[in-house]
């Protein structure tokens, strides 16, 4: 799970017909939850998010777009504004646009040295993902926050339970 409404699924070696599987998942999710979903399938998570974005808006895809080894991959990248790429924020978008990089296709055609200089290692990983090289993996997906914490430090060490109860009570009241 990546966020409350999004997840990635590794299907390597378990699926014969990827397109059919994507359609089955889409139908099941809508049937079980009542929520229509888009399914993007690709070699990397960043490409899958590009595919998903197109699948949601293109009637031709029926809500499922498979870019694995697809002849349409370049066209999908050309249709994707650079600011819509996962991991490219507003500041990078402005910088890239000033340098003539408007689409994801423009971005992957930039030299690695320039990308690293302008966007750092994270930007280079994003570009490599768009080129089909898996740089994120399933272990490196940021986990959603499990808790929210507000912390205060004490002016001195608290060793007695009564002192702690009093301090927490004052903080909660405030």
C-alpha atoms as a PDB file:
ATOM      1  CA  UNK A   1       0.000   0.000   0.000  1.00  0.00           C
ATOM      2  CA  UNK A   2       1.333   3.429  -0.980  1.00  0.00           C
ATOM      3  CA  UNK A   3      -1.490   5.622   0.268  1.00  0.00           C
ATOM      4  CA  UNK A   4      -5.070   5.312   1.436  1.00  0.00           C
ATOM      5  CA  UNK A   5      -6.331   4.940  -2.134  1.00  0.00           C
ATOM      6  CA  UNK A   6      -3.368   3.510  -3.956  1.00  0.00           C
ATOM      7  CA  UNK A   7      -1.264   0.375  -3.978  1.00  0.00           C
ATOM      8  CA  UNK A   8       1.280  -1.456  -6.076  1.00  0.00           C
ATOM      9  CA  UNK A   9       1.061  -5.143  -6.885  1.00  0.00           C
ATOM     10  CA  UNK A  10       3.970  -7.260  -8.057  1.00  0.00           C
ATOM     11  CA  UNK A  11       2.692  -9.820 -10.544  1.00  0.00           C
ATOM     12  CA  UNK A  12       5.933 -11.126 -12.031  1.00  0.00           C
ATOM     13  CA  UNK A  13       5.691 -14.868 -12.546  1.00  0.00           C
ATOM     14  CA  UNK A  14       2.097 -15.237 -11.334  1.00  0.00           C
ATOM     15  CA  UNK A  15       0.102 -13.947 -14.277  1.00  0.00           C
ATOM     16  CA  UNK A  16      -0.135 -15.268 -17.819  1.00  0.00           C
ATOM     17  CA  UNK A  17      -2.287 -12.576 -19.439  1.00  0.00           C
ATOM     18  CA  UNK A  18      -1.459  -9.252 -17.794  1.00  0.00           C
ATOM     19  CA  UNK A  19      -4.201  -7.300 -19.575  1.00  0.00           C
ATOM     20  CA  UNK A  20      -6.863  -9.796 -18.562  1.00  0.00           C
ATOM     21  CA  UNK A  21      -5.596  -9.813 -14.986  1.00  0.00           C
ATOM     22  CA  UNK A  22      -5.728  -6.004 -14.826  1.00  0.00           C
ATOM     23  CA  UNK A  23      -9.326  -6.067 -16.035  1.00  0.00           C
ATOM     24  CA  UNK A  24     -10.224  -8.740 -13.469  1.00  0.00           C
ATOM     25  CA  UNK A  25      -8.714  -6.683 -10.641  1.00  0.00           C
ATOM     26  CA  UNK A  26     -10.575  -3.588 -11.817  1.00  0.00           C
ATOM     27  CA  UNK A  27     -13.917  -5.443 -11.900  1.00  0.00           C
ATOM     28  CA  UNK A  28     -13.362  -7.032  -8.469  1.00  0.00           C
ATOM     29  CA  UNK A  29     -12.407  -3.761  -6.792  1.00  0.00           C
ATOM     30  CA  UNK A  30     -15.493  -2.025  -8.139  1.00  0.00           C
ATOM     31  CA  UNK A  31     -17.720  -4.981  -7.232  1.00  0.00           C
ATOM     32  CA  UNK A  32     -16.334  -5.308  -3.692  1.00  0.00           C
ATOM     33  CA  UNK A  33     -16.056  -1.591  -2.878  1.00  0.00           C
ATOM     34  CA  UNK A  34     -18.297   0.218  -5.342  1.00  0.00           C
ATOM     35  CA  UNK A  35     -15.314   2.362  -6.314  1.00  0.00           C
ATOM     36  CA  UNK A  36     -14.255   2.536  -9.971  1.00  0.00           C
ATOM     37  CA  UNK A  37     -10.468   2.337 -10.298  1.00  0.00           C
ATOM     38  CA  UNK A  38      -7.830   2.804 -12.933  1.00  0.00           C
ATOM     39  CA  UNK A  39      -5.153   0.167 -13.357  1.00  0.00           C
ATOM     40  CA  UNK A  40      -1.710   1.052 -14.695  1.00  0.00           C
ATOM     41  CA  UNK A  41       0.669  -1.779 -15.519  1.00  0.00           C
ATOM     42  CA  UNK A  42       4.356  -1.300 -16.319  1.00  0.00           C
ATOM     43  CA  UNK A  43       7.893  -2.449 -15.595  1.00  0.00           C
ATOM     44  CA  UNK A  44       8.395   0.169 -12.854  1.00  0.00           C
ATOM     45  CA  UNK A  45       6.236   1.958 -10.339  1.00  0.00           C
ATOM     46  CA  UNK A  46       6.813   5.369 -11.923  1.00  0.00           C
ATOM     47  CA  UNK A  47       5.784   4.041 -15.347  1.00  0.00           C
ATOM     48  CA  UNK A  48       2.803   2.277 -13.745  1.00  0.00           C
ATOM     49  CA  UNK A  49       1.655   5.613 -12.324  1.00  0.00           C
ATOM     50  CA  UNK A  50       1.942   7.156 -15.806  1.00  0.00           C
ATOM     51  CA  UNK A  51      -0.129   4.264 -17.183  1.00  0.00           C
ATOM     52  CA  UNK A  52      -2.657   4.617 -14.375  1.00  0.00           C
ATOM     53  CA  UNK A  53      -3.073   8.340 -14.990  1.00  0.00           C
ATOM     54  CA  UNK A  54      -3.824   7.706 -18.671  1.00  0.00           C
ATOM     55  CA  UNK A  55      -6.062   4.709 -17.908  1.00  0.00           C
ATOM     56  CA  UNK A  56      -8.284   6.905 -15.744  1.00  0.00           C
ATOM     57  CA  UNK A  57      -8.965   9.477 -18.470  1.00  0.00           C
ATOM     58  CA  UNK A  58      -8.759   7.544 -21.747  1.00  0.00           C
ATOM     59  CA  UNK A  59     -11.935   5.837 -22.899  1.00  0.00           C
ATOM     60  CA  UNK A  60      -9.875   3.624 -25.231  1.00  0.00           C
ATOM     61  CA  UNK A  61      -8.203   1.873 -22.293  1.00  0.00           C
ATOM     62  CA  UNK A  62     -11.383   0.899 -20.478  1.00  0.00           C
ATOM     63  CA  UNK A  63      -9.622   1.920 -17.273  1.00  0.00           C
ATOM     64  CA  UNK A  64      -6.699  -0.501 -17.686  1.00  0.00           C
ATOM     65  CA  UNK A  65      -3.461   0.370 -19.483  1.00  0.00           C
ATOM     66  CA  UNK A  66      -0.573  -2.055 -19.838  1.00  0.00           C
ATOM     67  CA  UNK A  67       2.698  -0.437 -20.911  1.00  0.00           C
ATOM     68  CA  UNK A  68       4.881  -3.527 -20.388  1.00  0.00           C
ATOM     69  CA  UNK A  69       6.983  -3.761 -23.553  1.00  0.00           C
ATOM     70  CA  UNK A  70       4.372  -1.644 -25.303  1.00  0.00           C
ATOM     71  CA  UNK A  71       4.878   0.212 -28.546  1.00  0.00           C
ATOM     72  CA  UNK A  72       2.744   2.967 -26.951  1.00  0.00           C
ATOM     73  CA  UNK A  73       5.143   3.671 -24.086  1.00  0.00           C
ATOM     74  CA  UNK A  74       6.815   6.648 -25.835  1.00  0.00           C
ATOM     75  CA  UNK A  75       3.416   8.079 -26.728  1.00  0.00           C
ATOM     76  CA  UNK A  76       2.283   7.732 -23.100  1.00  0.00           C
ATOM     77  CA  UNK A  77       5.384   9.612 -21.944  1.00  0.00           C
ATOM     78  CA  UNK A  78       4.818  12.277 -24.588  1.00  0.00           C
ATOM     79  CA  UNK A  79       1.235  12.759 -23.347  1.00  0.00           C
ATOM     80  CA  UNK A  80       2.410  13.128 -19.742  1.00  0.00           C
ATOM     81  CA  UNK A  81       3.391  16.610 -18.626  1.00  0.00           C
ATOM     82  CA  UNK A  82       6.628  16.549 -16.658  1.00  0.00           C
ATOM     83  CA  UNK A  83       4.846  18.008 -13.622  1.00  0.00           C
ATOM     84  CA  UNK A  84       2.497  15.016 -13.593  1.00  0.00           C
ATOM     85  CA  UNK A  85       5.346  12.544 -13.124  1.00  0.00           C
ATOM     86  CA  UNK A  86       5.494  10.919  -9.687  1.00  0.00           C
ATOM     87  CA  UNK A  87       8.341  12.554  -7.777  1.00  0.00           C
ATOM     88  CA  UNK A  88       8.542  15.763  -9.800  1.00  0.00           C
ATOM     89  CA  UNK A  89       7.386  18.658  -7.639  1.00  0.00           C
ATOM     90  CA  UNK A  90       6.437  22.214  -8.521  1.00  0.00           C
ATOM     91  CA  UNK A  91       9.956  23.617  -8.221  1.00  0.00           C
ATOM     92  CA  UNK A  92      11.476  20.937 -10.468  1.00  0.00           C
ATOM     93  CA  UNK A  93       8.615  21.413 -12.918  1.00  0.00           C
ATOM     94  CA  UNK A  94       9.382  25.141 -13.188  1.00  0.00           C
ATOM     95  CA  UNK A  95      13.109  24.485 -13.605  1.00  0.00           C
ATOM     96  CA  UNK A  96      12.548  21.755 -16.202  1.00  0.00           C
ATOM     97  CA  UNK A  97      10.052  23.862 -18.158  1.00  0.00           C
ATOM     98  CA  UNK A  98      12.533  26.757 -18.259  1.00  0.00           C
ATOM     99  CA  UNK A  99      15.007  24.325 -19.812  1.00  0.00           C
ATOM    100  CA  UNK A 100      12.541  23.171 -22.480  1.00  0.00           C
ATOM    101  CA  UNK A 101      11.583  19.932 -20.714  1.00  0.00           C
ATOM    102  CA  UNK A 102       7.777  19.862 -20.932  1.00  0.00           C
ATOM    103  CA  UNK A 103       6.897  16.153 -21.062  1.00  0.00           C
ATOM    104  CA  UNK A 104       8.076  12.913 -19.507  1.00  0.00           C
ATOM    105  CA  UNK A 105       9.458  11.986 -22.933  1.00  0.00           C
ATOM    106  CA  UNK A 106      11.519  15.196 -22.989  1.00  0.00           C
ATOM    107  CA  UNK A 107      12.794  14.274 -19.528  1.00  0.00           C
ATOM    108  CA  UNK A 108      13.989  10.762 -20.382  1.00  0.00           C
ATOM    109  CA  UNK A 109      15.851  12.149 -23.391  1.00  0.00           C
ATOM    110  CA  UNK A 110      18.040  14.383 -21.212  1.00  0.00           C
ATOM    111  CA  UNK A 111      21.611  13.275 -20.435  1.00  0.00           C
ATOM    112  CA  UNK A 112      22.074  11.597 -17.047  1.00  0.00           C
ATOM    113  CA  UNK A 113      24.756  14.107 -16.047  1.00  0.00           C
ATOM    114  CA  UNK A 114      22.432  17.042 -16.634  1.00  0.00           C
ATOM    115  CA  UNK A 115      19.592  15.351 -14.745  1.00  0.00           C
ATOM    116  CA  UNK A 116      21.811  14.559 -11.767  1.00  0.00           C
ATOM    117  CA  UNK A 117      23.182  18.131 -11.721  1.00  0.00           C
ATOM    118  CA  UNK A 118      19.728  19.733 -11.961  1.00  0.00           C
ATOM    119  CA  UNK A 119      17.651  17.227  -9.969  1.00  0.00           C
ATOM    120  CA  UNK A 120      20.046  15.195  -7.849  1.00  0.00           C
ATOM    121  CA  UNK A 121      20.143  11.447  -7.337  1.00  0.00           C
ATOM    122  CA  UNK A 122      16.388  11.238  -6.643  1.00  0.00           C
ATOM    123  CA  UNK A 123      15.606  12.908  -9.961  1.00  0.00           C
ATOM    124  CA  UNK A 124      17.939  10.532 -11.764  1.00  0.00           C
ATOM    125  CA  UNK A 125      16.141   7.557 -10.168  1.00  0.00           C
ATOM    126  CA  UNK A 126      12.833   8.962 -11.366  1.00  0.00           C
ATOM    127  CA  UNK A 127      14.179   9.268 -14.923  1.00  0.00           C
ATOM    128  CA  UNK A 128      15.619   5.747 -14.841  1.00  0.00           C
ATOM    129  CA  UNK A 129      12.238   4.472 -13.657  1.00  0.00           C
ATOM    130  CA  UNK A 130      10.609   6.239 -16.627  1.00  0.00           C
ATOM    131  CA  UNK A 131      13.146   4.495 -18.869  1.00  0.00           C
ATOM    132  CA  UNK A 132      12.034   1.122 -17.493  1.00  0.00           C
ATOM    133  CA  UNK A 133      14.754   0.486 -14.895  1.00  0.00           C
ATOM    134  CA  UNK A 134      13.329  -0.519 -11.513  1.00  0.00           C
ATOM    135  CA  UNK A 135      14.997   1.769  -8.969  1.00  0.00           C
ATOM    136  CA  UNK A 136      12.401   1.807  -6.215  1.00  0.00           C
ATOM    137  CA  UNK A 137      11.542  -1.821  -5.559  1.00  0.00           C
ATOM    138  CA  UNK A 138       8.858  -2.927  -3.148  1.00  0.00           C
ATOM    139  CA  UNK A 139      11.032  -2.472  -0.059  1.00  0.00           C
ATOM    140  CA  UNK A 140      11.703   1.211  -0.773  1.00  0.00           C
ATOM    141  CA  UNK A 141       8.134   2.490  -1.091  1.00  0.00           C
ATOM    142  CA  UNK A 142       7.556   5.048   1.666  1.00  0.00           C
ATOM    143  CA  UNK A 143       5.228   3.584   4.266  1.00  0.00           C
ATOM    144  CA  UNK A 144       2.151   5.579   5.258  1.00  0.00           C
ATOM    145  CA  UNK A 145       2.342   7.257   8.646  1.00  0.00           C
ATOM    146  CA  UNK A 146       1.028   5.002  11.378  1.00  0.00           C
ATOM    147  CA  UNK A 147       0.689   7.644  14.089  1.00  0.00           C
ATOM    148  CA  UNK A 148       0.659  11.350  14.626  1.00  0.00           C
ATOM    149  CA  UNK A 149       2.939  12.636  17.364  1.00  0.00           C
ATOM    150  CA  UNK A 150       3.254  15.952  19.078  1.00  0.00           C
ATOM    151  CA  UNK A 151       6.246  16.008  21.379  1.00  0.00           C
ATOM    152  CA  UNK A 152       7.330  18.359  24.124  1.00  0.00           C
ATOM    153  CA  UNK A 153      10.545  18.125  26.093  1.00  0.00           C
ATOM    154  CA  UNK A 154      10.745  18.719  29.820  1.00  0.00           C
ATOM    155  CA  UNK A 155      13.051  21.356  31.301  1.00  0.00           C
ATOM    156  CA  UNK A 156      14.436  18.718  33.639  1.00  0.00           C
ATOM    157  CA  UNK A 157      14.412  14.959  34.013  1.00  0.00           C
ATOM    158  CA  UNK A 158      11.089  13.618  35.296  1.00  0.00           C
ATOM    159  CA  UNK A 159      11.480  10.563  37.510  1.00  0.00           C
ATOM    160  CA  UNK A 160       8.252  10.496  39.509  1.00  0.00           C
ATOM    161  CA  UNK A 161       4.918   9.290  38.117  1.00  0.00           C
ATOM    162  CA  UNK A 162       3.022  12.143  39.787  1.00  0.00           C
ATOM    163  CA  UNK A 163       5.268  14.716  38.076  1.00  0.00           C
ATOM    164  CA  UNK A 164       4.650  13.027  34.713  1.00  0.00           C
ATOM    165  CA  UNK A 165       0.870  12.860  35.254  1.00  0.00           C
ATOM    166  CA  UNK A 166       0.828  16.529  36.242  1.00  0.00           C
ATOM    167  CA  UNK A 167       2.901  17.592  33.198  1.00  0.00           C
ATOM    168  CA  UNK A 168       0.774  15.537  30.783  1.00  0.00           C
ATOM    169  CA  UNK A 169      -2.438  16.868  32.356  1.00  0.00           C
ATOM    170  CA  UNK A 170      -1.276  20.474  31.960  1.00  0.00           C
ATOM    171  CA  UNK A 171      -0.230  19.815  28.352  1.00  0.00           C
ATOM    172  CA  UNK A 172      -3.566  18.117  27.527  1.00  0.00           C
ATOM    173  CA  UNK A 173      -5.526  20.947  29.164  1.00  0.00           C
ATOM    174  CA  UNK A 174      -3.546  23.567  27.242  1.00  0.00           C
END
